[in-house]
Amino acid sequence: MKLRFKPIKSEGELNLNPMMDVFVGLLPFLIVSSAWMQLGALDLKTPAIQANAAEEQKNDADQSIWLEVYVEKEQVSIMGYTASFSRELAQHNRKFDIRKPESLQDFVKSLKEKNKLGPSLFHASQDTTYEQAAQVLKVLRAKDGVPEVVMAAGAVR
């Protein structure tokens, strides 16, 4: 007696239910986190990178002054530089009381009347509050202030 075995034909199935469960669980998290990520965006302009040394020399001859503004808890420090921050101009270095923005505004206005101002680099220390940083930025970006402010990376509370 011969035994005959019939091959069992079974088609494999791919069970997608566990994968769908994972995506259903992740979807609300991704939607909520993407909405929060948009709140941290700042629309800032960065200074153009100069292509070669010839352009740097041309800008130095142009005598435009670039400012570096450093905001601390009690004071605002301003340092003047030639174009591309290549050389410090000690005669333009000043410190101002943060509670008296008028003196800072008068200095920036008089500097703009005498010289051509280039982009300014803005730093804020970790002790600086958001209100203090915003107040200094408002003075710098006023109608008679610096033409362009570039934010440096740092923490502002």
N, C-alpha and C. Protein backbone atom coordinates (compact mmCIF):
# COMPACT_ATOMS: atom_id res chain seq x y z
N MET A 1 0.83 -1.16 0.00
CA MET A 1 0.00 0.00 0.00
C MET A 1 0.88 1.24 0.00
N LYS A 2 0.57 2.06 -0.95
CA LYS A 2 1.32 3.28 -1.11
C LYS A 2 0.61 4.45 -0.44
N LEU A 3 1.38 5.19 0.32
CA LEU A 3 0.80 6.38 0.93
C LEU A 3 1.06 7.59 0.04
N ARG A 4 0.03 8.26 -0.20
CA ARG A 4 0.19 9.46 -1.02
C ARG A 4 0.01 10.70 -0.14
N PHE A 5 1.03 11.51 -0.23
CA PHE A 5 0.94 12.77 0.51
C PHE A 5 0.59 13.89 -0.45
N LYS A 6 -0.38 14.61 -0.08
CA LYS A 6 -0.75 15.76 -0.88
C LYS A 6 -0.02 16.98 -0.32
N PRO A 7 0.66 17.67 -1.17
CA PRO A 7 1.31 18.89 -0.67
C PRO A 7 0.24 19.89 -0.24
N ILE A 8 0.51 20.49 0.91
CA ILE A 8 -0.43 21.49 1.42
C ILE A 8 -0.03 22.85 0.83
N LYS A 9 -0.95 23.39 0.13
CA LYS A 9 -0.71 24.70 -0.45
C LYS A 9 -1.30 25.76 0.47
N SER A 10 -0.41 26.48 1.10
CA SER A 10 -0.92 27.57 1.94
C SER A 10 -0.23 28.85 1.51
N GLU A 11 -0.98 29.85 1.43
CA GLU A 11 -0.44 31.15 1.07
C GLU A 11 -0.12 31.90 2.36
N GLY A 12 1.08 32.46 2.40
CA GLY A 12 1.47 33.22 3.59
C GLY A 12 0.77 34.58 3.63
N GLU A 13 0.49 35.00 4.81
CA GLU A 13 -0.14 36.31 4.99
C GLU A 13 0.79 37.20 5.79
N LEU A 14 0.77 38.43 5.44
CA LEU A 14 1.56 39.41 6.19
C LEU A 14 0.60 40.13 7.12
N ASN A 15 0.83 39.96 8.40
CA ASN A 15 -0.04 40.57 9.39
C ASN A 15 0.44 42.00 9.66
N LEU A 16 -0.32 42.96 9.19
CA LEU A 16 0.05 44.37 9.34
C LEU A 16 -0.58 45.02 10.57
N ASN A 17 -1.35 44.31 11.31
CA ASN A 17 -2.03 44.88 12.48
C ASN A 17 -1.05 45.45 13.51
N PRO A 18 0.02 44.76 13.90
CA PRO A 18 0.93 45.35 14.88
C PRO A 18 1.59 46.64 14.38
N MET A 19 1.94 46.67 13.10
CA MET A 19 2.56 47.87 12.55
C MET A 19 1.56 49.03 12.53
N MET A 20 0.33 48.74 12.20
CA MET A 20 -0.70 49.79 12.20
C MET A 20 -0.92 50.31 13.61
N ASP A 21 -0.88 49.44 14.60
CA ASP A 21 -1.04 49.88 15.98
C ASP A 21 0.06 50.85 16.39
N VAL A 22 1.27 50.57 15.96
CA VAL A 22 2.39 51.46 16.28
C VAL A 22 2.18 52.82 15.64
N PHE A 23 1.79 52.86 14.39
CA PHE A 23 1.59 54.14 13.70
C PHE A 23 0.41 54.93 14.28
N VAL A 24 -0.63 54.23 14.67
CA VAL A 24 -1.77 54.92 15.29
C VAL A 24 -1.35 55.53 16.61
N GLY A 25 -0.45 54.85 17.34
CA GLY A 25 0.04 55.40 18.59
C GLY A 25 1.00 56.58 18.39
N LEU A 26 1.80 56.55 17.34
CA LEU A 26 2.77 57.62 17.09
C LEU A 26 2.18 58.85 16.43
N LEU A 27 1.13 58.68 15.68
CA LEU A 27 0.56 59.78 14.91
C LEU A 27 0.17 60.99 15.77
N PRO A 28 -0.57 60.83 16.87
CA PRO A 28 -0.90 62.01 17.68
C PRO A 28 0.35 62.69 18.25
N PHE A 29 1.33 61.90 18.66
CA PHE A 29 2.57 62.48 19.18
C PHE A 29 3.28 63.32 18.12
N LEU A 30 3.38 62.82 16.92
CA LEU A 30 4.05 63.56 15.84
C LEU A 30 3.31 64.84 15.48
N ILE A 31 2.00 64.79 15.48
CA ILE A 31 1.20 65.98 15.15
C ILE A 31 1.38 67.05 16.21
N VAL A 32 1.32 66.66 17.48
CA VAL A 32 1.46 67.63 18.57
C VAL A 32 2.86 68.20 18.62
N SER A 33 3.88 67.37 18.46
CA SER A 33 5.25 67.87 18.55
C SER A 33 5.62 68.76 17.36
N SER A 34 5.07 68.51 16.20
CA SER A 34 5.38 69.37 15.05
C SER A 34 4.78 70.76 15.22
N ALA A 35 3.64 70.88 15.88
CA ALA A 35 3.05 72.19 16.12
C ALA A 35 3.91 73.01 17.07
N TRP A 36 4.54 72.38 18.05
CA TRP A 36 5.39 73.10 19.00
C TRP A 36 6.72 73.50 18.38
N MET A 37 7.21 72.76 17.43
CA MET A 37 8.50 73.07 16.83
C MET A 37 8.45 74.37 16.04
N GLN A 38 7.32 74.76 15.51
CA GLN A 38 7.22 75.97 14.72
C GLN A 38 7.34 77.22 15.58
N LEU A 39 7.06 77.14 16.89
CA LEU A 39 7.10 78.31 17.75
C LEU A 39 8.52 78.81 17.98
N GLY A 40 9.53 77.95 17.84
CA GLY A 40 10.90 78.35 18.12
C GLY A 40 11.62 78.97 16.93
N ALA A 41 10.96 79.19 15.83
CA ALA A 41 11.63 79.68 14.63
C ALA A 41 11.78 81.20 14.69
N LEU A 42 12.96 81.68 14.29
CA LEU A 42 13.21 83.11 14.18
C LEU A 42 13.58 83.43 12.75
N ASP A 43 13.04 84.50 12.23
CA ASP A 43 13.36 84.91 10.87
C ASP A 43 14.46 85.96 10.95
N LEU A 44 15.71 85.52 10.78
CA LEU A 44 16.85 86.41 10.91
C LEU A 44 17.65 86.43 9.63
N LYS A 45 18.26 87.56 9.36
CA LYS A 45 19.14 87.66 8.21
C LYS A 45 20.57 87.45 8.69
N THR A 46 21.35 86.76 7.92
CA THR A 46 22.76 86.57 8.26
C THR A 46 23.61 87.35 7.26
N PRO A 47 24.78 87.83 7.70
CA PRO A 47 25.61 88.58 6.76
C PRO A 47 26.16 87.67 5.67
N ALA A 48 26.31 88.23 4.50
CA ALA A 48 26.83 87.44 3.38
C ALA A 48 28.30 87.12 3.62
N ILE A 49 28.71 85.92 3.24
CA ILE A 49 30.10 85.52 3.37
C ILE A 49 30.87 86.08 2.18
N GLN A 50 31.97 86.71 2.45
CA GLN A 50 32.73 87.33 1.37
C GLN A 50 33.53 86.28 0.63
N ALA A 51 33.58 86.42 -0.67
CA ALA A 51 34.17 85.39 -1.51
C ALA A 51 35.68 85.33 -1.42
N ASN A 52 36.35 86.47 -1.33
CA ASN A 52 37.81 86.43 -1.31
C ASN A 52 38.37 87.62 -0.55
N ALA A 53 39.68 87.63 -0.38
CA ALA A 53 40.34 88.67 0.41
C ALA A 53 40.25 90.04 -0.25
N ALA A 54 40.12 90.08 -1.56
CA ALA A 54 40.03 91.37 -2.26
C ALA A 54 38.78 92.12 -1.84
N GLU A 55 37.69 91.40 -1.68
CA GLU A 55 36.46 92.05 -1.24
C GLU A 55 36.59 92.55 0.20
N GLU A 56 37.31 91.81 1.05
CA GLU A 56 37.52 92.26 2.43
C GLU A 56 38.29 93.56 2.45
N GLN A 57 39.33 93.67 1.62
CA GLN A 57 40.12 94.90 1.58
C GLN A 57 39.28 96.05 1.06
N LYS A 58 38.40 95.77 0.11
CA LYS A 58 37.53 96.81 -0.42
C LYS A 58 36.60 97.33 0.68
N ASN A 59 36.05 96.41 1.48
CA ASN A 59 35.17 96.82 2.57
C ASN A 59 35.92 97.57 3.66
N ASP A 60 37.20 97.20 3.92
CA ASP A 60 37.99 97.94 4.90
C ASP A 60 38.19 99.38 4.43
N ALA A 61 38.44 99.53 3.13
CA ALA A 61 38.63 100.87 2.58
C ALA A 61 37.33 101.66 2.61
N ASP A 62 36.21 100.95 2.61
CA ASP A 62 34.90 101.58 2.65
C ASP A 62 34.63 102.24 4.00
N GLN A 63 35.37 101.84 5.04
CA GLN A 63 35.26 102.39 6.39
C GLN A 63 33.88 102.20 7.02
N SER A 64 33.21 101.14 6.68
CA SER A 64 31.97 100.86 7.39
C SER A 64 32.31 100.23 8.73
N ILE A 65 31.52 100.54 9.73
CA ILE A 65 31.76 100.04 11.08
C ILE A 65 30.74 98.96 11.40
N TRP A 66 31.24 97.84 11.84
CA TRP A 66 30.38 96.74 12.28
C TRP A 66 30.43 96.72 13.79
N LEU A 67 29.27 96.58 14.42
CA LEU A 67 29.20 96.61 15.88
C LEU A 67 28.97 95.21 16.44
N GLU A 68 29.56 94.96 17.59
CA GLU A 68 29.27 93.76 18.36
C GLU A 68 28.62 94.23 19.65
N VAL A 69 27.40 93.80 19.88
CA VAL A 69 26.62 94.25 21.03
C VAL A 69 26.47 93.06 21.98
N TYR A 70 26.92 93.24 23.22
CA TYR A 70 26.84 92.17 24.21
C TYR A 70 25.99 92.66 25.37
N VAL A 71 24.86 92.00 25.60
CA VAL A 71 23.93 92.41 26.64
C VAL A 71 24.14 91.53 27.87
N GLU A 72 24.40 92.19 28.99
CA GLU A 72 24.54 91.49 30.26
C GLU A 72 23.40 91.94 31.18
N LYS A 73 23.39 91.44 32.41
CA LYS A 73 22.29 91.73 33.31
C LYS A 73 22.16 93.22 33.63
N GLU A 74 23.29 93.91 33.82
CA GLU A 74 23.25 95.31 34.23
C GLU A 74 23.70 96.29 33.15
N GLN A 75 24.39 95.80 32.11
CA GLN A 75 24.95 96.74 31.15
C GLN A 75 24.94 96.17 29.73
N VAL A 76 25.12 97.09 28.78
CA VAL A 76 25.24 96.74 27.37
C VAL A 76 26.61 97.20 26.91
N SER A 77 27.40 96.27 26.37
CA SER A 77 28.74 96.60 25.87
C SER A 77 28.69 96.64 24.35
N ILE A 78 29.28 97.69 23.78
CA ILE A 78 29.35 97.81 22.32
C ILE A 78 30.82 97.93 21.94
N MET A 79 31.22 97.11 20.96
CA MET A 79 32.57 97.17 20.43
C MET A 79 32.48 97.40 18.93
N GLY A 80 33.29 98.31 18.41
CA GLY A 80 33.29 98.61 16.99
C GLY A 80 34.42 97.89 16.28
N TYR A 81 34.15 97.45 15.06
CA TYR A 81 35.13 96.74 14.24
C TYR A 81 35.06 97.26 12.81
N THR A 82 36.16 97.04 12.09
CA THR A 82 36.12 97.29 10.65
C THR A 82 35.32 96.17 10.01
N ALA A 83 35.08 96.29 8.72
CA ALA A 83 34.25 95.30 8.02
C ALA A 83 34.76 93.89 8.25
N SER A 84 33.86 92.96 8.35
CA SER A 84 34.13 91.54 8.57
C SER A 84 34.75 91.27 9.94
N PHE A 85 34.63 92.20 10.87
CA PHE A 85 35.18 92.06 12.21
C PHE A 85 36.68 91.76 12.17
N SER A 86 37.38 92.36 11.19
CA SER A 86 38.79 92.05 11.02
C SER A 86 39.69 92.83 11.99
N ARG A 87 39.30 94.05 12.38
CA ARG A 87 40.14 94.84 13.27
C ARG A 87 39.24 95.63 14.23
N GLU A 88 39.59 95.59 15.52
CA GLU A 88 38.80 96.29 16.52
C GLU A 88 39.11 97.78 16.48
N LEU A 89 38.06 98.58 16.60
CA LEU A 89 38.19 100.04 16.66
C LEU A 89 37.91 100.48 18.09
N ALA A 90 38.96 100.67 18.88
CA ALA A 90 38.81 100.94 20.30
C ALA A 90 38.05 102.24 20.59
N GLN A 91 38.12 103.21 19.68
CA GLN A 91 37.44 104.48 19.92
C GLN A 91 35.92 104.35 19.90
N HIS A 92 35.40 103.23 19.39
CA HIS A 92 33.96 103.04 19.34
C HIS A 92 33.46 102.07 20.42
N ASN A 93 34.30 101.67 21.34
CA ASN A 93 33.90 100.76 22.41
C ASN A 93 33.26 101.55 23.54
N ARG A 94 32.07 101.14 23.96
CA ARG A 94 31.34 101.82 25.03
C ARG A 94 30.58 100.80 25.87
N LYS A 95 30.24 101.23 27.10
CA LYS A 95 29.37 100.45 27.98
C LYS A 95 28.23 101.35 28.43
N PHE A 96 27.03 100.80 28.44
CA PHE A 96 25.83 101.56 28.80
C PHE A 96 25.05 100.82 29.87
N ASP A 97 24.39 101.60 30.73
CA ASP A 97 23.51 101.01 31.73
C ASP A 97 22.26 100.50 31.02
N ILE A 98 21.87 99.29 31.33
CA ILE A 98 20.73 98.68 30.62
C ILE A 98 19.42 99.37 30.97
N ARG A 99 19.38 100.08 32.10
CA ARG A 99 18.15 100.76 32.51
C ARG A 99 17.98 102.12 31.82
N LYS A 100 19.01 102.54 31.04
CA LYS A 100 18.94 103.83 30.35
C LYS A 100 19.16 103.62 28.86
N PRO A 101 18.13 103.14 28.15
CA PRO A 101 18.31 102.87 26.71
C PRO A 101 18.49 104.14 25.87
N GLU A 102 18.14 105.31 26.43
CA GLU A 102 18.27 106.55 25.66
C GLU A 102 19.73 106.83 25.33
N SER A 103 20.63 106.56 26.28
CA SER A 103 22.05 106.83 26.02
C SER A 103 22.59 105.90 24.94
N LEU A 104 22.14 104.65 24.92
CA LEU A 104 22.52 103.71 23.86
C LEU A 104 21.99 104.18 22.52
N GLN A 105 20.73 104.64 22.51
CA GLN A 105 20.12 105.11 21.27
C GLN A 105 20.84 106.35 20.74
N ASP A 106 21.22 107.26 21.62
CA ASP A 106 21.95 108.46 21.20
C ASP A 106 23.31 108.09 20.61
N PHE A 107 24.00 107.14 21.23
CA PHE A 107 25.32 106.72 20.73
C PHE A 107 25.20 106.09 19.34
N VAL A 108 24.24 105.20 19.15
CA VAL A 108 24.06 104.55 17.85
C VAL A 108 23.67 105.58 16.79
N LYS A 109 22.82 106.52 17.17
CA LYS A 109 22.40 107.56 16.22
C LYS A 109 23.58 108.43 15.82
N SER A 110 24.41 108.85 16.78
CA SER A 110 25.57 109.70 16.45
C SER A 110 26.60 108.92 15.64
N LEU A 111 26.75 107.64 15.93
CA LEU A 111 27.68 106.79 15.18
C LEU A 111 27.22 106.64 13.73
N LYS A 112 25.91 106.52 13.55
CA LYS A 112 25.37 106.37 12.19
C LYS A 112 25.50 107.66 11.39
N GLU A 113 25.39 108.81 12.07
CA GLU A 113 25.54 110.09 11.37
C GLU A 113 26.97 110.30 10.88
N LYS A 114 27.96 109.81 11.64
CA LYS A 114 29.36 110.03 11.29
C LYS A 114 29.93 108.96 10.38
N ASN A 115 29.44 107.73 10.47
CA ASN A 115 30.01 106.60 9.75
C ASN A 115 28.92 105.76 9.11
N LYS A 116 29.34 104.94 8.17
CA LYS A 116 28.43 103.97 7.58
C LYS A 116 28.44 102.73 8.47
N LEU A 117 27.27 102.31 8.92
CA LEU A 117 27.17 101.14 9.79
C LEU A 117 26.87 99.89 8.98
N GLY A 118 27.58 98.84 9.28
CA GLY A 118 27.34 97.54 8.66
C GLY A 118 26.50 96.67 9.58
N PRO A 119 26.47 95.37 9.33
CA PRO A 119 25.70 94.46 10.19
C PRO A 119 26.26 94.46 11.62
N SER A 120 25.38 94.27 12.57
CA SER A 120 25.78 94.22 13.97
C SER A 120 25.51 92.84 14.53
N LEU A 121 26.45 92.34 15.32
CA LEU A 121 26.34 91.02 15.94
C LEU A 121 25.80 91.21 17.34
N PHE A 122 24.71 90.52 17.67
CA PHE A 122 24.01 90.69 18.94
C PHE A 122 24.20 89.44 19.79
N HIS A 123 24.80 89.60 20.99
CA HIS A 123 24.94 88.51 21.96
C HIS A 123 24.11 88.87 23.19
N ALA A 124 23.60 87.86 23.86
CA ALA A 124 22.94 88.07 25.15
C ALA A 124 23.48 87.03 26.12
N SER A 125 23.87 87.47 27.32
CA SER A 125 24.40 86.53 28.31
C SER A 125 23.25 85.69 28.86
N GLN A 126 23.61 84.65 29.59
CA GLN A 126 22.58 83.78 30.17
C GLN A 126 21.81 84.48 31.28
N ASP A 127 22.38 85.53 31.85
CA ASP A 127 21.70 86.28 32.91
C ASP A 127 20.72 87.30 32.36
N THR A 128 20.74 87.51 31.07
CA THR A 128 19.87 88.50 30.44
C THR A 128 18.45 87.95 30.33
N THR A 129 17.48 88.76 30.71
CA THR A 129 16.09 88.35 30.55
C THR A 129 15.63 88.66 29.13
N TYR A 130 14.53 88.06 28.77
CA TYR A 130 13.97 88.29 27.42
C TYR A 130 13.61 89.76 27.24
N GLU A 131 13.04 90.37 28.27
CA GLU A 131 12.61 91.76 28.17
C GLU A 131 13.80 92.69 27.94
N GLN A 132 14.93 92.42 28.62
CA GLN A 132 16.12 93.24 28.44
C GLN A 132 16.67 93.09 27.02
N ALA A 133 16.75 91.86 26.54
CA ALA A 133 17.25 91.62 25.18
C ALA A 133 16.34 92.29 24.15
N ALA A 134 15.04 92.17 24.33
CA ALA A 134 14.09 92.78 23.40
C ALA A 134 14.20 94.30 23.41
N GLN A 135 14.42 94.88 24.59
CA GLN A 135 14.56 96.33 24.70
C GLN A 135 15.79 96.82 23.93
N VAL A 136 16.91 96.12 24.07
CA VAL A 136 18.13 96.52 23.36
C VAL A 136 17.95 96.33 21.85
N LEU A 137 17.32 95.23 21.45
CA LEU A 137 17.07 95.01 20.02
C LEU A 137 16.19 96.10 19.44
N LYS A 138 15.21 96.53 20.21
CA LYS A 138 14.31 97.60 19.75
C LYS A 138 15.09 98.89 19.51
N VAL A 139 16.02 99.20 20.41
CA VAL A 139 16.84 100.40 20.25
C VAL A 139 17.74 100.27 19.02
N LEU A 140 18.35 99.09 18.85
CA LEU A 140 19.26 98.90 17.72
C LEU A 140 18.54 98.96 16.38
N ARG A 141 17.33 98.42 16.33
CA ARG A 141 16.61 98.34 15.06
C ARG A 141 15.69 99.52 14.82
N ALA A 142 15.81 100.55 15.64
CA ALA A 142 14.99 101.75 15.46
C ALA A 142 15.27 102.38 14.10
N LYS A 143 14.44 103.33 13.73
CA LYS A 143 14.55 103.98 12.41
C LYS A 143 15.95 104.55 12.16
N ASP A 144 16.55 105.15 13.17
CA ASP A 144 17.88 105.73 13.02
C ASP A 144 18.96 104.85 13.64
N GLY A 145 18.70 103.54 13.72
CA GLY A 145 19.65 102.59 14.31
C GLY A 145 20.46 101.86 13.26
N VAL A 146 20.96 100.70 13.63
CA VAL A 146 21.80 99.92 12.72
C VAL A 146 20.94 99.28 11.64
N PRO A 147 21.49 99.10 10.43
CA PRO A 147 20.68 98.60 9.32
C PRO A 147 20.34 97.11 9.42
N GLU A 148 21.22 96.32 10.06
CA GLU A 148 20.99 94.88 10.10
C GLU A 148 21.56 94.33 11.40
N VAL A 149 20.77 93.49 12.10
CA VAL A 149 21.20 92.88 13.35
C VAL A 149 21.22 91.37 13.15
N VAL A 150 22.36 90.76 13.49
CA VAL A 150 22.52 89.32 13.38
C VAL A 150 22.61 88.76 14.79
N MET A 151 21.78 87.75 15.08
CA MET A 151 21.75 87.16 16.41
C MET A 151 22.83 86.08 16.53
N ALA A 152 23.58 86.12 17.62
CA ALA A 152 24.55 85.06 17.93
C ALA A 152 23.84 84.01 18.78
N ALA A 153 24.29 82.77 18.67
CA ALA A 153 23.68 81.69 19.44
C ALA A 153 23.96 81.90 20.92
N GLY A 154 22.95 81.67 21.72
CA GLY A 154 23.08 81.80 23.17
C GLY A 154 21.71 81.71 23.81
N ALA A 155 21.71 81.54 25.09
CA ALA A 155 20.45 81.36 25.81
C ALA A 155 19.96 82.69 26.34
N VAL A 156 18.68 82.95 26.14
CA VAL A 156 18.02 84.12 26.71
C VAL A 156 16.80 83.61 27.45
N ARG A 157 16.71 83.94 28.74
CA ARG A 157 15.58 83.46 29.53
C ARG A 157 14.33 84.24 29.21
